[in-house]
Amino acid sequence: MTAYKFPFAASAAVLATVLAAGPVSADDQNTCGDETPCVLDNGEYYIHLPENRDESAPLGAIFYLHGHRGKAVNAIRNTGFQQMADDLGVAFVAVQGVNGTWSFPTAPRNLRDEPVFFDTVLSDLEDRFNVDRDKTMLSGFSSGGFMTWYVACEDSGKFSGYAPIAGAFWEPLPDNCPAENPYLFHVHGTSDTVVPLAGRWLGGGKWKQGDVFESFDVWRRQNDLADAQPEKLTDGNLECERWAPEGGLFELCLHDGGHSIEAKWIKRAWTELGEIKGWDRKT
């Protein structure tokens, strides 16, 4: 049995070098935010800080990864995402992919070591904005959803939880996930034709998006849940199935729409994760 690794295998020494820059100086504090990007050595991110925040208290953060050829600044301009962050009292962090793409293990192009870059962003957020690294959630839409699945599989401890929307593994699916079980809340439209539940071929048959149900089976098999009946629940327009192994959680929520994203789905995942983790939260 094998599990896919990210194309850029970061050693501990490389990661230490990336994070060794130390705290951001006082002169650099708050020089970025909202539509002004925070520029790092290997990329950039945008951040919306919640209104009326207590700057002395550590801040939770929702990371968001855009879809294929997307722009993080468009996510930061989204008033629904802004309101979500204000309501929850968390930072909303929109990360920019290289040329609008993400380098997950089976992606057509590998342009950056994304896990190392995400660590760099986390370190910068901790130093610059007092973000609590133990109170974060990674979410992504479409291609950003693919990336979210692979981080959850390979290094689930990087974030406290995961909320991918309309994206799963690509073919060939990993045989197993080497990391501990994540807390994963997945949302998908049954009428999605861009990323169908059954996946589809791309690039004239060169690459194939994976089947969402088979992607869940990767975790279910290795947790002896292949034949287990899930807990069923309804939340608004979402019909959900949930599996709760020893540690972690896997939830698949379906709606009857197409290739779309709503801030309330991300907000719901954060709220559910907060209840599991025992976080105090604003609602």
Protein backbone atom coordinates (compact mmCIF):
# COMPACT_ATOMS: atom_id res chain seq x y z
CA MET A 1 0.00 0.00 0.00
CA THR A 2 1.28 3.44 -0.87
CA ALA A 3 0.24 7.01 -0.24
CA TYR A 4 0.98 9.96 -2.48
CA LYS A 5 3.48 12.51 -1.29
CA PHE A 6 3.66 16.12 -2.33
CA PRO A 7 5.99 16.59 -5.31
CA PHE A 8 8.31 18.79 -3.31
CA ALA A 9 9.34 16.67 -0.33
CA ALA A 10 10.30 19.22 2.31
CA SER A 11 12.90 18.07 4.77
CA ALA A 12 12.97 19.32 8.34
CA ALA A 13 16.03 21.38 7.47
CA VAL A 14 14.28 23.07 4.55
CA LEU A 15 11.23 23.84 6.66
CA ALA A 16 13.40 25.22 9.45
CA THR A 17 15.13 27.51 6.96
CA VAL A 18 11.82 28.77 5.63
CA LEU A 19 10.53 29.56 9.12
CA ALA A 20 13.78 30.94 10.51
CA ALA A 21 13.10 34.54 9.52
CA GLY A 22 11.62 35.18 12.97
CA PRO A 23 8.95 37.65 14.06
CA VAL A 24 7.87 40.53 11.86
CA SER A 25 9.38 43.80 13.07
CA ALA A 26 7.22 46.52 14.57
CA ASP A 27 7.76 48.67 11.47
CA ASP A 28 6.26 45.90 9.33
CA GLN A 29 3.19 45.34 11.50
CA ASN A 30 -0.16 45.85 9.78
CA THR A 31 1.37 46.95 6.46
CA CYS A 32 -1.03 44.63 4.66
CA GLY A 33 -4.67 43.75 4.95
CA ASP A 34 -7.90 43.56 3.00
CA GLU A 35 -7.00 44.38 -0.64
CA THR A 36 -3.33 45.02 0.15
CA PRO A 37 -1.50 41.67 -0.08
CA CYS A 38 0.93 40.32 2.48
CA VAL A 39 3.92 39.46 0.29
CA LEU A 40 6.23 36.58 1.26
CA ASP A 41 9.27 35.08 -0.45
CA ASN A 42 7.30 32.50 -2.40
CA GLY A 43 3.84 33.99 -2.71
CA GLU A 44 1.24 36.19 -1.10
CA TYR A 45 -2.00 36.17 0.83
CA TYR A 46 -4.78 38.62 1.69
CA ILE A 47 -6.41 38.96 5.08
CA HIS A 48 -9.66 40.40 6.37
CA LEU A 49 -9.62 40.97 10.14
CA PRO A 50 -12.90 40.82 12.06
CA GLU A 51 -14.50 44.01 13.26
CA ASN A 52 -14.12 44.94 16.92
CA ARG A 53 -11.42 42.34 17.56
CA ASP A 54 -9.50 42.25 20.82
CA GLU A 55 -5.93 42.69 19.54
CA SER A 56 -4.50 41.30 22.78
CA ALA A 57 -6.26 37.95 22.30
CA PRO A 58 -5.05 35.23 19.88
CA LEU A 59 -7.16 35.09 16.74
CA GLY A 60 -8.61 32.10 14.92
CA ALA A 61 -8.32 31.99 11.13
CA ILE A 62 -10.09 30.45 8.15
CA PHE A 63 -7.76 29.82 5.20
CA TYR A 64 -9.40 29.92 1.77
CA LEU A 65 -7.97 28.53 -1.49
CA HIS A 66 -9.55 29.82 -4.71
CA GLY A 67 -10.57 27.78 -7.74
CA HIS A 68 -8.59 27.21 -10.96
CA ARG A 69 -7.14 30.45 -12.37
CA GLY A 70 -8.78 32.32 -9.50
CA LYS A 71 -7.57 35.38 -7.63
CA ALA A 72 -7.39 35.59 -3.87
CA VAL A 73 -8.22 39.31 -3.95
CA ASN A 74 -11.66 38.48 -5.34
CA ALA A 75 -12.32 36.26 -2.33
CA ILE A 76 -11.20 39.00 0.05
CA ARG A 77 -13.62 41.41 -1.68
CA ASN A 78 -16.53 38.99 -1.19
CA THR A 79 -18.89 40.62 1.31
CA GLY A 80 -20.30 37.23 2.30
CA PHE A 81 -16.85 36.03 3.37
CA GLN A 82 -16.21 39.31 5.17
CA GLN A 83 -19.48 39.06 7.08
CA MET A 84 -18.74 35.44 7.96
CA ALA A 85 -15.39 36.43 9.47
CA ASP A 86 -16.98 39.32 11.39
CA ASP A 87 -19.77 37.09 12.72
CA LEU A 88 -17.34 34.38 13.86
CA GLY A 89 -14.69 36.78 15.13
CA VAL A 90 -11.95 35.17 13.04
CA ALA A 91 -9.51 36.24 10.35
CA PHE A 92 -10.38 35.32 6.76
CA VAL A 93 -7.17 34.53 4.88
CA ALA A 94 -7.27 34.20 1.08
CA VAL A 95 -4.09 32.60 -0.25
CA GLN A 96 -2.94 33.15 -3.84
CA GLY A 97 -1.95 30.16 -5.95
CA VAL A 98 0.96 30.40 -8.41
CA ASN A 99 -0.55 31.46 -11.74
CA GLY A 100 -3.92 30.76 -10.18
CA THR A 101 -3.15 27.05 -9.67
CA TRP A 102 -2.36 24.66 -6.81
CA SER A 103 0.41 22.06 -6.81
CA PHE A 104 -1.21 19.00 -5.27
CA PRO A 105 0.48 15.61 -5.91
CA THR A 106 -1.46 14.64 -9.05
CA ALA A 107 -1.79 18.15 -10.51
CA PRO A 108 -0.70 18.81 -14.12
CA ARG A 109 1.89 21.35 -12.92
CA ASN A 110 4.03 21.51 -9.78
CA LEU A 111 5.02 25.13 -9.29
CA ARG A 112 5.45 25.42 -5.51
CA ASP A 113 5.76 23.28 -2.40
CA GLU A 114 2.34 24.23 -1.07
CA PRO A 115 2.61 22.66 2.43
CA VAL A 116 5.84 24.56 3.08
CA PHE A 117 4.28 27.77 1.76
CA PHE A 118 1.23 27.29 3.98
CA ASP A 119 3.60 26.89 6.95
CA THR A 120 5.25 30.17 5.96
CA VAL A 121 1.86 31.88 5.85
CA LEU A 122 0.90 30.43 9.24
CA SER A 123 4.16 31.66 10.75
CA ASP A 124 3.66 35.14 9.28
CA LEU A 125 0.08 35.29 10.54
CA GLU A 126 1.20 34.29 14.02
CA ASP A 127 3.87 36.98 14.10
CA ARG A 128 2.03 39.77 12.31
CA PHE A 129 -1.59 39.32 13.40
CA ASN A 130 -1.43 37.14 16.55
CA VAL A 131 -3.22 34.23 14.86
CA ASP A 132 -3.45 31.09 16.98
CA ARG A 133 -1.96 28.24 14.91
CA ASP A 134 -4.03 25.75 16.91
CA LYS A 135 -7.28 27.44 15.85
CA THR A 136 -7.27 27.35 12.06
CA MET A 137 -9.32 25.72 9.31
CA LEU A 138 -8.39 25.17 5.66
CA SER A 139 -11.15 25.56 3.09
CA GLY A 140 -11.01 25.61 -0.68
CA PHE A 141 -13.32 25.65 -3.68
CA SER A 142 -12.93 23.48 -6.80
CA SER A 143 -9.17 23.30 -7.46
CA GLY A 144 -8.69 24.77 -3.98
CA GLY A 145 -10.87 21.92 -2.74
CA PHE A 146 -8.54 19.38 -4.39
CA MET A 147 -5.61 21.01 -2.60
CA THR A 148 -7.51 20.92 0.71
CA TRP A 149 -8.13 17.17 0.39
CA TYR A 150 -4.45 16.42 -0.17
CA VAL A 151 -3.26 18.51 2.79
CA ALA A 152 -5.82 16.74 5.00
CA CYS A 153 -4.53 13.39 3.74
CA GLU A 154 -0.79 14.04 3.99
CA ASP A 155 -0.53 16.34 7.02
CA SER A 156 -3.86 16.64 8.82
CA GLY A 157 -2.26 18.34 11.82
CA LYS A 158 -1.25 21.39 9.79
CA PHE A 159 -4.74 22.83 10.35
CA SER A 160 -7.33 22.07 13.02
CA GLY A 161 -9.94 21.15 10.43
CA TYR A 162 -10.78 21.09 6.72
CA ALA A 163 -13.78 22.31 4.71
CA PRO A 164 -13.32 21.49 1.01
CA ILE A 165 -16.10 22.44 -1.40
CA ALA A 166 -16.59 20.84 -4.83
CA GLY A 167 -13.22 19.07 -4.98
CA ALA A 168 -11.73 15.74 -3.88
CA PHE A 169 -8.76 13.51 -4.83
CA TRP A 170 -7.66 13.01 -8.45
CA GLU A 171 -7.00 9.69 -10.14
CA PRO A 172 -5.16 7.61 -9.27
CA LEU A 173 -6.54 7.99 -5.77
CA PRO A 174 -4.12 7.37 -2.89
CA ASP A 175 -4.27 3.88 -1.42
CA ASN A 176 -4.17 5.37 2.06
CA CYS A 177 -3.60 8.61 3.95
CA PRO A 178 -0.52 8.52 6.20
CA ALA A 179 -1.61 11.29 8.57
CA GLU A 180 -3.96 11.00 11.53
CA ASN A 181 -7.64 11.33 10.71
CA PRO A 182 -8.66 14.92 9.94
CA TYR A 183 -11.85 16.71 10.87
CA LEU A 184 -13.21 17.11 7.35
CA PHE A 185 -16.50 18.72 6.29
CA HIS A 186 -17.07 18.35 2.54
CA VAL A 187 -19.84 20.07 0.52
CA HIS A 188 -20.75 19.17 -3.08
CA GLY A 189 -23.56 19.86 -5.55
CA THR A 190 -25.36 16.89 -7.08
CA SER A 191 -25.80 18.91 -10.31
CA ASP A 192 -22.14 19.97 -10.51
CA THR A 193 -20.84 19.49 -14.08
CA VAL A 194 -17.45 21.20 -13.58
CA VAL A 195 -16.39 18.83 -10.81
CA PRO A 196 -19.02 16.08 -10.95
CA LEU A 197 -19.44 13.73 -8.03
CA ALA A 198 -18.15 10.93 -10.28
CA GLY A 199 -15.21 13.04 -11.51
CA ARG A 200 -14.33 13.74 -15.17
CA TRP A 201 -11.45 13.59 -17.60
CA LEU A 202 -9.41 16.70 -18.37
CA GLY A 203 -6.71 17.64 -20.86
CA GLY A 204 -7.95 15.30 -23.58
CA GLY A 205 -7.79 12.30 -21.27
CA LYS A 206 -4.47 13.12 -19.55
CA TRP A 207 -5.90 13.69 -16.07
CA LYS A 208 -9.03 12.66 -14.22
CA GLN A 209 -10.80 14.20 -11.26
CA GLY A 210 -11.59 11.51 -8.72
CA ASP A 211 -14.97 10.20 -7.64
CA VAL A 212 -16.04 11.94 -4.41
CA PHE A 213 -17.56 8.79 -2.88
CA GLU A 214 -14.44 6.76 -3.72
CA SER A 215 -12.31 9.53 -2.23
CA PHE A 216 -14.18 9.15 1.07
CA ASP A 217 -13.68 5.40 0.81
CA VAL A 218 -9.90 5.90 1.17
CA TRP A 219 -10.43 7.06 4.76
CA ARG A 220 -13.37 4.77 5.44
CA ARG A 221 -11.41 1.64 4.48
CA GLN A 222 -8.42 2.41 6.64
CA ASN A 223 -10.71 3.11 9.60
CA ASP A 224 -12.77 -0.08 9.14
CA LEU A 225 -15.83 2.00 8.27
CA ALA A 226 -16.48 0.61 4.79
CA ASP A 227 -19.70 -1.10 5.92
CA ALA A 228 -20.58 1.29 8.73
CA GLN A 229 -23.85 3.21 8.51
CA PRO A 230 -23.26 6.96 8.72
CA GLU A 231 -25.13 9.38 10.92
CA LYS A 232 -27.58 11.31 8.71
CA LEU A 233 -28.49 14.93 9.28
CA THR A 234 -30.05 17.86 7.44
CA ASP A 235 -28.90 21.46 7.74
CA GLY A 236 -30.69 24.00 5.53
CA ASN A 237 -30.19 22.89 1.92
CA LEU A 238 -27.57 20.32 2.90
CA GLU A 239 -28.20 16.59 3.27
CA CYS A 240 -25.26 15.14 5.18
CA GLU A 241 -23.70 11.83 6.12
CA ARG A 242 -21.13 11.66 8.90
CA TRP A 243 -18.63 9.02 10.00
CA ALA A 244 -16.86 9.43 13.34
CA PRO A 245 -13.88 7.10 13.78
CA GLU A 246 -11.61 7.02 16.80
CA GLY A 247 -10.23 10.52 16.33
CA GLY A 248 -11.25 12.74 13.43
CA LEU A 249 -14.51 13.06 11.52
CA PHE A 250 -15.59 12.65 7.88
CA GLU A 251 -18.71 14.43 6.68
CA LEU A 252 -20.20 14.55 3.17
CA CYS A 253 -22.93 17.15 2.64
CA LEU A 254 -24.80 17.35 -0.67
CA HIS A 255 -27.04 20.06 -2.13
CA ASP A 256 -29.02 19.95 -5.36
CA GLY A 257 -27.16 22.83 -6.99
CA GLY A 258 -24.21 23.03 -9.34
CA HIS A 259 -20.60 24.22 -9.07
CA SER A 260 -21.01 26.85 -6.37
CA ILE A 261 -19.86 28.01 -2.97
CA GLU A 262 -21.66 29.77 -0.14
CA ALA A 263 -20.06 31.41 2.86
CA LYS A 264 -22.63 29.77 5.15
CA TRP A 265 -21.19 26.33 4.34
CA ILE A 266 -17.74 27.41 5.51
CA LYS A 267 -19.26 29.12 8.54
CA ARG A 268 -21.14 25.94 9.42
CA ALA A 269 -17.93 23.87 9.20
CA TRP A 270 -16.11 26.30 11.50
CA THR A 271 -18.98 26.22 13.99
CA GLU A 272 -19.13 22.41 13.97
CA LEU A 273 -15.34 22.22 14.34
CA GLY A 274 -15.44 24.72 17.20
CA GLU A 275 -17.98 22.63 19.07
CA ILE A 276 -15.80 19.53 18.65
CA LYS A 277 -12.68 21.39 19.74
CA GLY A 278 -14.41 23.32 22.54
CA TRP A 279 -13.60 26.75 21.12
CA ASP A 280 -15.47 29.80 22.32
CA ARG A 281 -16.97 31.51 19.31
CA LYS A 282 -19.09 34.43 18.19
CA THR A 283 -22.26 33.62 16.24
